[in-house]
Protein backbone atom coordinates (compact mmCIF):
# COMPACT_ATOMS: atom_id res chain seq x y z
CA MET A 1 96.91 108.20 130.02
CA LYS A 2 100.75 108.32 131.29
CA ILE A 3 102.74 109.17 128.33
CA GLY A 4 106.64 109.72 128.81
CA VAL A 5 109.33 110.93 126.83
CA ILE A 6 112.82 109.10 126.71
CA ASN A 7 115.81 111.23 125.83
CA GLN A 8 117.40 110.91 122.40
CA VAL A 9 119.62 114.16 122.30
CA LYS A 10 122.41 111.48 122.00
CA ASP A 11 124.29 110.46 118.70
CA ASN A 12 123.50 113.25 117.00
CA GLU A 13 119.97 113.39 117.44
CA LYS A 14 118.78 116.76 118.52
CA ARG A 15 114.72 116.29 117.85
CA VAL A 16 112.07 115.28 120.38
CA LEU A 17 108.93 113.54 119.80
CA LEU A 18 106.64 116.00 121.83
CA THR A 19 106.88 120.03 121.77
CA PRO A 20 105.63 121.89 124.79
CA ALA A 21 103.39 123.23 123.04
CA ASP A 22 101.91 119.66 122.38
CA THR A 23 102.53 118.05 125.86
CA GLY A 24 99.85 121.03 126.77
CA LYS A 25 97.63 119.89 124.51
CA LEU A 26 97.75 116.44 125.89
CA ILE A 27 97.99 117.78 129.26
CA LYS A 28 94.29 119.24 128.32
CA LEU A 29 92.77 116.44 126.69
CA GLY A 30 93.47 114.77 130.52
CA HIS A 31 96.71 112.70 130.11
CA SER A 32 99.37 112.94 131.92
CA VAL A 33 102.73 113.27 130.34
CA TYR A 34 106.46 112.47 131.56
CA ILE A 35 109.58 114.19 129.93
CA GLU A 36 112.60 112.64 130.39
CA SER A 37 115.34 115.24 131.11
CA ASN A 38 117.10 117.80 128.59
CA SER A 39 114.71 115.31 125.66
CA GLY A 40 114.24 118.81 123.91
CA THR A 41 117.35 120.84 124.57
CA GLY A 42 118.65 119.86 121.01
CA ALA A 43 115.52 120.95 119.44
CA PHE A 44 115.66 124.54 121.68
CA PHE A 45 112.84 123.36 124.04
CA PRO A 46 114.36 123.12 127.89
CA ASP A 47 112.84 121.36 130.29
CA SER A 48 111.09 124.68 131.54
CA LEU A 49 108.64 125.12 129.12
CA TYR A 50 107.32 121.40 129.46
CA THR A 51 106.60 122.08 133.28
CA GLU A 52 105.38 125.17 132.49
CA VAL A 53 102.47 123.62 130.05
CA GLY A 54 102.24 120.45 133.08
CA ALA A 55 104.29 118.19 132.61
CA SER A 56 106.99 116.24 135.08
CA ILE A 57 110.79 116.21 134.33
CA SER A 58 111.76 112.66 134.93
CA THR A 59 115.02 110.30 135.58
CA SER A 60 115.53 107.34 132.90
CA SER A 61 114.52 104.93 135.47
CA ASP A 62 111.44 106.54 136.01
CA ILE A 63 110.34 107.77 132.60
CA LEU A 64 111.08 103.46 131.78
CA SER A 65 108.84 102.19 134.67
CA GLU A 66 105.85 105.15 135.64
CA PRO A 67 104.15 105.88 132.00
CA ASP A 68 101.49 103.47 130.25
CA ILE A 69 102.83 104.78 127.02
CA LEU A 70 106.75 105.53 126.20
CA LEU A 71 107.44 107.80 122.91
CA SER A 72 111.44 106.95 121.81
CA LEU A 73 112.87 108.22 118.60
CA ASN A 74 115.32 106.24 116.34
CA SER A 75 115.24 102.98 118.66
CA ASN A 76 118.10 101.06 117.01
CA ASP A 77 118.39 98.62 120.31
CA PRO A 78 115.80 95.45 120.58
CA ASP A 79 116.85 95.31 124.69
CA ILE A 80 115.04 98.65 125.14
CA ILE A 81 112.10 95.97 125.60
CA ASN A 82 114.35 94.69 128.67
CA LYS A 83 114.30 98.01 130.39
CA ILE A 84 110.19 98.49 130.32
CA ASN A 85 107.91 97.19 132.50
CA LYS A 86 105.23 94.23 131.13
CA GLY A 87 102.01 95.50 129.88
CA LYS A 88 103.71 98.91 128.35
CA THR A 89 103.28 100.32 125.31
CA LEU A 90 106.43 101.57 123.28
CA ILE A 91 105.37 103.78 120.52
CA THR A 92 109.30 103.54 118.34
CA ASN A 93 110.04 103.95 114.79
CA ILE A 94 112.40 100.60 114.10
CA PRO A 95 115.13 99.71 111.23
CA LEU A 96 113.06 97.26 108.80
CA SER A 97 115.95 95.06 109.49
CA LEU A 98 115.01 94.69 113.16
CA ASN A 99 111.28 95.14 112.83
CA ASN A 100 110.73 91.40 113.50
CA GLU A 101 113.24 91.20 116.68
CA PHE A 102 111.56 93.72 118.24
CA ALA A 103 108.20 92.02 118.08
CA ASN A 104 109.89 88.73 119.29
CA ASN A 105 110.92 90.71 122.58
CA ALA A 106 107.98 92.62 122.51
CA SER A 107 105.72 90.12 122.25
CA LYS A 108 107.81 87.86 125.34
CA GLN A 109 107.35 91.18 127.84
CA HIS A 110 104.01 91.31 127.30
CA ILE A 111 104.46 94.75 125.56
CA THR A 112 102.46 96.45 123.15
CA LEU A 113 104.53 98.03 120.11
CA ILE A 114 103.68 100.26 117.44
CA ASN A 115 106.35 100.82 114.66
CA LEU A 116 106.53 104.59 113.58
CA GLY A 117 108.16 103.69 110.38
CA THR A 118 105.40 101.28 109.18
CA ILE A 119 102.51 104.29 109.15
CA PRO A 120 100.58 103.36 105.79
CA ARG A 121 100.43 105.89 103.06
CA ILE A 122 96.59 106.32 103.15
CA ALA A 123 94.63 109.65 103.16
CA ARG A 124 93.52 109.41 107.01
CA ALA A 125 96.60 108.25 107.75
CA GLN A 126 98.66 111.07 106.53
CA SER A 127 98.85 113.12 109.40
CA MET A 128 100.87 110.52 111.29
CA ASP A 129 103.08 109.73 108.48
CA ILE A 130 106.58 110.72 110.26
CA LEU A 131 108.48 109.54 107.16
CA SER A 132 107.07 111.74 104.74
CA SER A 133 107.06 115.07 106.97
CA GLN A 134 111.01 114.39 107.69
CA SER A 135 111.94 113.40 104.50
CA SER A 136 110.30 116.99 103.36
CA LEU A 137 112.69 118.69 105.82
CA ALA A 138 115.56 116.06 104.54
CA GLY A 139 115.20 117.13 100.74
CA TYR A 140 114.81 120.50 101.47
CA LYS A 141 118.17 120.81 104.04
CA ALA A 142 119.91 118.36 101.21
CA THR A 143 119.67 121.44 98.86
CA LEU A 144 121.07 124.11 100.54
CA ILE A 145 123.71 121.55 101.17
CA ALA A 146 124.36 121.63 97.54
CA ALA A 147 124.30 125.52 97.33
CA GLN A 148 126.68 125.49 100.43
CA LEU A 149 129.07 123.11 98.62
CA LEU A 150 129.28 123.97 95.17
CA GLY A 151 131.81 126.89 93.68
CA LYS A 152 128.75 128.08 91.81
CA ILE A 153 125.10 130.54 92.93
CA PHE A 154 121.96 128.78 92.06
CA PRO A 155 120.63 131.96 90.02
CA MET A 156 121.42 133.33 87.07
CA MET A 157 122.37 136.62 87.59
CA MET A 158 122.51 139.91 85.52
CA THR A 159 125.59 142.20 86.55
CA ALA A 160 127.95 144.71 85.22
CA ALA A 161 130.91 142.10 84.57
CA GLY A 162 128.50 140.05 82.39
CA THR A 163 125.96 137.39 82.89
CA ILE A 164 126.20 134.47 85.12
CA PRO A 165 123.90 131.18 83.91
CA PRO A 166 122.06 129.50 86.43
CA ALA A 167 123.34 125.95 88.04
CA HIS A 168 121.60 123.36 86.40
CA GLY A 169 120.19 120.32 89.09
CA LEU A 170 119.50 117.00 88.38
CA ILE A 171 117.10 115.43 91.09
CA LEU A 172 116.74 111.06 91.18
CA GLY A 173 114.03 110.21 92.77
CA ALA A 174 110.67 111.95 92.63
CA GLY A 175 109.12 111.05 96.16
CA VAL A 176 108.96 113.16 99.12
CA ALA A 177 112.25 114.39 99.65
CA GLY A 178 112.95 114.35 95.76
CA LEU A 179 109.94 116.91 95.25
CA GLN A 180 110.81 119.00 97.96
CA SER A 181 114.47 119.48 96.85
CA ILE A 182 113.00 120.27 93.27
CA ALA A 183 111.22 123.10 94.78
CA THR A 184 113.90 124.04 97.25
CA SER A 185 116.01 124.25 93.92
CA ARG A 186 113.54 126.31 92.01
CA ARG A 187 113.12 128.76 94.80
CA LEU A 188 116.51 129.04 95.22
CA GLY A 189 116.83 130.04 90.91
CA ALA A 190 118.32 126.73 89.66
CA VAL A 191 117.29 125.13 86.79
CA VAL A 192 116.28 121.83 87.51
CA SER A 193 116.01 118.20 86.10
CA ALA A 194 114.31 115.15 87.42
CA TYR A 195 114.24 111.04 87.17
CA ASP A 196 111.68 108.98 88.84
CA VAL A 197 111.02 105.15 87.36
CA ARG A 198 107.35 105.70 88.32
CA PRO A 199 105.68 107.62 84.89
CA VAL A 200 103.12 108.41 87.36
CA VAL A 201 105.07 111.14 89.48
CA LYS A 202 105.51 113.60 85.79
CA GLU A 203 103.17 115.94 86.53
CA GLN A 204 103.91 116.67 89.92
CA VAL A 205 107.36 117.25 88.92
CA GLU A 206 106.62 119.77 85.92
CA SER A 207 104.20 121.32 87.98
CA LEU A 208 107.32 122.72 90.43
CA GLY A 209 108.98 123.90 87.54
CA ALA A 210 111.41 121.03 86.49
CA LYS A 211 111.80 119.01 83.62
CA PHE A 212 111.10 115.05 83.84
CA LEU A 213 112.89 112.91 82.16
CA GLN A 214 111.39 109.89 81.13
CA LEU A 215 111.62 106.46 79.89
CA ASP A 216 108.78 104.03 78.05
CA PHE A 217 108.75 100.93 79.90
CA GLY A 218 105.65 100.18 78.75
CA GLU A 219 102.53 99.22 80.88
CA GLN A 220 104.41 98.13 83.93
CA ASN A 221 103.45 99.29 86.86
CA LEU A 222 106.34 100.66 89.04
CA GLU A 223 104.71 101.48 91.98
CA ASP A 224 103.97 99.60 94.78
CA SER A 225 101.26 99.66 97.24
CA GLY A 226 102.92 102.27 99.52
CA GLY A 227 103.83 104.32 97.04
CA TYR A 228 107.29 103.47 97.04
CA ALA A 229 109.32 102.76 93.36
CA LYS A 230 109.82 98.90 93.12
CA GLU A 231 113.76 97.37 91.85
CA VAL A 232 113.63 97.41 87.76
CA THR A 233 114.72 94.54 85.95
CA ASN A 234 118.42 94.44 84.48
CA ASP A 235 117.00 95.55 81.01
CA MET A 236 115.32 98.23 82.18
CA LYS A 237 118.41 99.21 85.00
CA ALA A 238 120.72 99.43 81.89
CA GLN A 239 118.19 101.96 80.05
CA GLU A 240 118.33 103.79 83.16
CA ASP A 241 121.97 103.91 83.41
CA ALA A 242 122.46 105.97 80.33
CA LEU A 243 119.87 108.30 81.06
CA VAL A 244 120.66 109.04 84.22
CA HIS A 245 124.84 108.96 83.10
CA GLU A 246 123.99 111.35 80.37
CA ASN A 247 122.07 114.07 82.42
CA VAL A 248 124.89 113.68 85.32
CA ALA A 249 127.26 114.94 83.18
CA LEU A 250 125.36 117.92 82.34
CA ALA A 251 124.55 118.42 85.73
CA ASP A 252 126.57 121.26 88.22
CA TYR A 253 124.97 119.37 91.08
CA VAL A 254 123.00 116.18 91.27
CA ILE A 255 120.86 115.05 94.61
CA THR A 256 119.79 111.45 94.95
CA THR A 257 116.86 109.98 96.95
CA ALA A 258 116.01 106.76 95.97
CA LEU A 259 114.92 103.87 98.24
CA ILE A 260 113.81 100.88 98.32
CA PRO A 261 111.92 99.70 101.78
CA GLY A 262 113.64 96.96 103.20
CA ARG A 263 116.84 97.01 100.81
CA PRO A 264 119.82 98.64 99.96
CA ALA A 265 119.41 101.91 98.63
CA PRO A 266 119.90 101.35 94.26
CA LEU A 267 123.15 102.27 93.09
CA LEU A 268 122.44 105.19 90.42
CA VAL A 269 125.39 106.67 89.91
CA ASN A 270 128.63 104.86 89.78
CA LYS A 271 132.31 106.14 89.38
CA ASP A 272 132.04 105.98 85.57
CA MET A 273 129.27 108.76 85.90
CA VAL A 274 131.07 110.46 88.16
CA SER A 275 134.08 110.67 86.08
CA SER A 276 131.60 112.72 83.79
CA MET A 277 130.71 115.16 85.76
CA LYS A 278 132.77 118.34 85.26
CA PRO A 279 135.18 119.74 88.16
CA GLY A 280 133.38 121.44 90.93
CA SER A 281 130.16 119.88 90.57
CA VAL A 282 128.45 118.51 93.75
CA ILE A 283 126.16 115.03 94.52
CA ILE A 284 124.36 115.22 97.51
CA ASP A 285 123.13 111.27 98.41
CA MET A 286 120.33 111.19 100.62
CA ALA A 287 120.72 107.29 100.54
CA ALA A 288 123.91 107.61 102.35
CA GLU A 289 122.42 105.65 105.73
CA MET A 290 120.98 102.78 103.52
CA GLY A 291 124.97 102.34 101.27
CA GLY A 292 123.97 105.35 99.18
CA ASN A 293 122.62 105.68 95.32
CA CYS A 294 126.50 106.95 94.68
CA GLU A 295 129.33 104.06 94.31
CA LEU A 296 131.82 106.45 95.96
CA THR A 297 129.36 107.81 98.63
CA LYS A 298 131.03 107.36 102.30
CA PRO A 299 128.31 107.58 104.64
CA GLY A 300 128.45 110.73 107.23
CA GLU A 301 131.51 112.31 104.98
CA THR A 302 132.00 114.83 102.49
CA ILE A 303 135.00 113.72 100.00
CA ILE A 304 136.46 114.49 96.54
CA SER A 305 136.55 112.56 93.94
CA ASN A 306 137.73 113.44 89.93
CA ASP A 307 137.25 117.11 91.31
CA VAL A 308 133.48 115.83 92.13
CA ILE A 309 132.70 117.13 95.55
CA ILE A 310 130.47 113.59 97.29
CA SER A 311 128.63 114.32 100.39
CA GLY A 312 126.59 111.52 102.45
CA PRO A 313 124.90 113.48 105.00
CA ILE A 314 123.60 111.30 107.54
CA ASN A 315 119.89 111.97 109.46
CA LEU A 316 119.10 115.42 107.84
CA PRO A 317 115.95 116.44 109.48
CA SER A 318 118.21 116.24 112.77
CA GLN A 319 119.99 119.52 111.55
CA ILE A 320 116.90 121.34 111.39
CA PRO A 321 115.67 119.76 115.22
CA ASN A 322 113.35 122.90 115.79
CA HIS A 323 110.63 122.64 112.57
CA ALA A 324 112.04 118.64 112.51
CA SER A 325 110.75 117.94 116.09
CA GLN A 326 107.41 120.63 115.33
CA MET A 327 106.36 118.06 112.93
CA LEU A 328 107.31 115.02 114.69
CA SER A 329 105.49 116.29 117.70
CA ALA A 330 101.95 116.99 115.38
CA ASN A 331 102.59 113.02 113.82
CA ILE A 332 102.63 112.03 117.10
CA ILE A 333 99.09 113.99 118.06
CA SER A 334 97.27 112.75 115.85
CA LEU A 335 98.88 108.94 116.10
CA LEU A 336 97.71 109.49 119.86
CA LYS A 337 94.17 110.37 118.89
CA HIS A 338 94.10 107.65 117.05
CA PHE A 339 94.90 104.91 119.41
CA ILE A 340 93.78 107.08 122.38
CA PRO A 341 90.16 108.03 121.06
CA SER A 342 88.69 108.45 124.65
CA THR A 343 90.58 107.99 128.14
CA GLU A 344 91.98 104.70 126.93
CA LEU A 345 94.56 103.01 124.75
CA ILE A 346 92.46 100.97 121.89
CA ILE A 347 93.73 98.05 119.40
CA ASP A 348 91.79 97.28 116.88
CA LEU A 349 93.60 94.66 114.56
CA GLU A 350 90.42 95.15 112.59
CA ASP A 351 92.07 98.78 111.13
CA GLU A 352 94.09 99.35 108.71
CA ILE A 353 96.66 102.22 110.56
CA THR A 354 96.91 99.40 113.89
CA GLN A 355 97.52 96.21 111.46
CA GLN A 356 100.08 98.03 109.77
CA THR A 357 101.62 100.01 112.72
CA CYS A 358 101.32 97.53 115.49
CA THR A 359 103.54 94.31 115.94
CA SER A 360 103.01 92.81 119.16
CA HIS A 361 99.86 92.64 121.76
CA GLU A 362 99.06 90.91 124.65
CA GLY A 363 101.94 88.45 124.28
CA ILE A 364 101.53 88.05 120.50
CA ASN A 365 104.00 88.40 117.81
CA LEU A 366 101.68 89.71 115.04
CA LEU A 367 104.38 90.91 112.47
CA GLU A 368 105.34 87.28 112.32
CA ASN A 369 101.78 85.67 112.11
CA LEU A 370 100.84 88.62 109.46
CA LEU A 371 104.67 87.29 107.62
CA ASN A 372 103.04 83.67 107.45
CA ALA A 373 100.01 84.75 106.78
CA THR A 374 101.61 86.11 103.53
CA LYS A 375 103.64 83.12 102.82
CA ASP A 376 100.39 80.53 103.29
CA LEU A 377 98.34 82.87 101.03
CA LYS A 378 101.15 82.37 98.19
CA VAL A 379 101.82 78.76 98.25
CA SER A 380 97.93 78.55 98.16
CA ASN A 381 98.26 80.41 95.13
CA ASN A 382 100.86 79.13 93.40
CA GLU A 383 102.81 82.47 93.28
């Protein structure tokens, strides 16, 4: 197959979906790889490293017309489909809000569309899951930003001038990003507490050396099939707010990571909670791009409110572009091996990974079909 990588070095994006090393692996398997010029420069992979392993450096127009399969990161413009020749395959991560529009455009152009953002959270798809790999890096980087902004050190330090106690951190949300933030905080010497609505993560939190803050919501299942937290009821939200408020006031820094797929980020830290925090405390809102977990967050900015520093960083993995690209590239290699088991692209709609990622194929909007089937099922079951 001919595989092309579109240049993403723009709008603060420095990552690339294929590293030179993994490009070489694809070429050894018999594929041809085309890299749009300067695609890897943001991650410190110059064009020369790609040509050394046998890749072709191409222009934007050639990339859009030559390869059978196109790899693109952060596609926010559905019109990209109109620039690609019919019959091609586009592998990209698409915002949920644009998923159906992309699928519609792709089906009209007879383009096979594979969404990296909907990789199922199952064992055999773990190596393809870009959301998990990048969230882990984001959790690490968010913790470093907290350490940089906080006017205190993280570890306890015993000196001739006296003993300095460790910083106290609060992590809200114990998914992949939250767990990595806990681990990084502990490595830096902080004392950490963590809260998540899902009691199932308690063991993971405690295994990293943090205290798990838990509310008793009975036997309710608060985790969806993808492993994400569900939205809570108003009564549960009131209990959650009281617990968070109490612990936010005690923390030197708070890192929020809570997201609900397809919805704005849940509000966890309101302005009253911020006003209760100690002067000089820090909030790192990792959900800033989806509206923020903190009421006062301004995406892409660091502000001070009531002497509390509030940072809403955007695209944290791109701030570690070299390793982020290596992890993305490993995910892509696994995905390509799934869809190209030998020499041709295989779309097996009976396969769970393909079902959840392929939203357009052979002129059919598969996402729309899936949504209609789900709707019919709910009606027939009176749900």
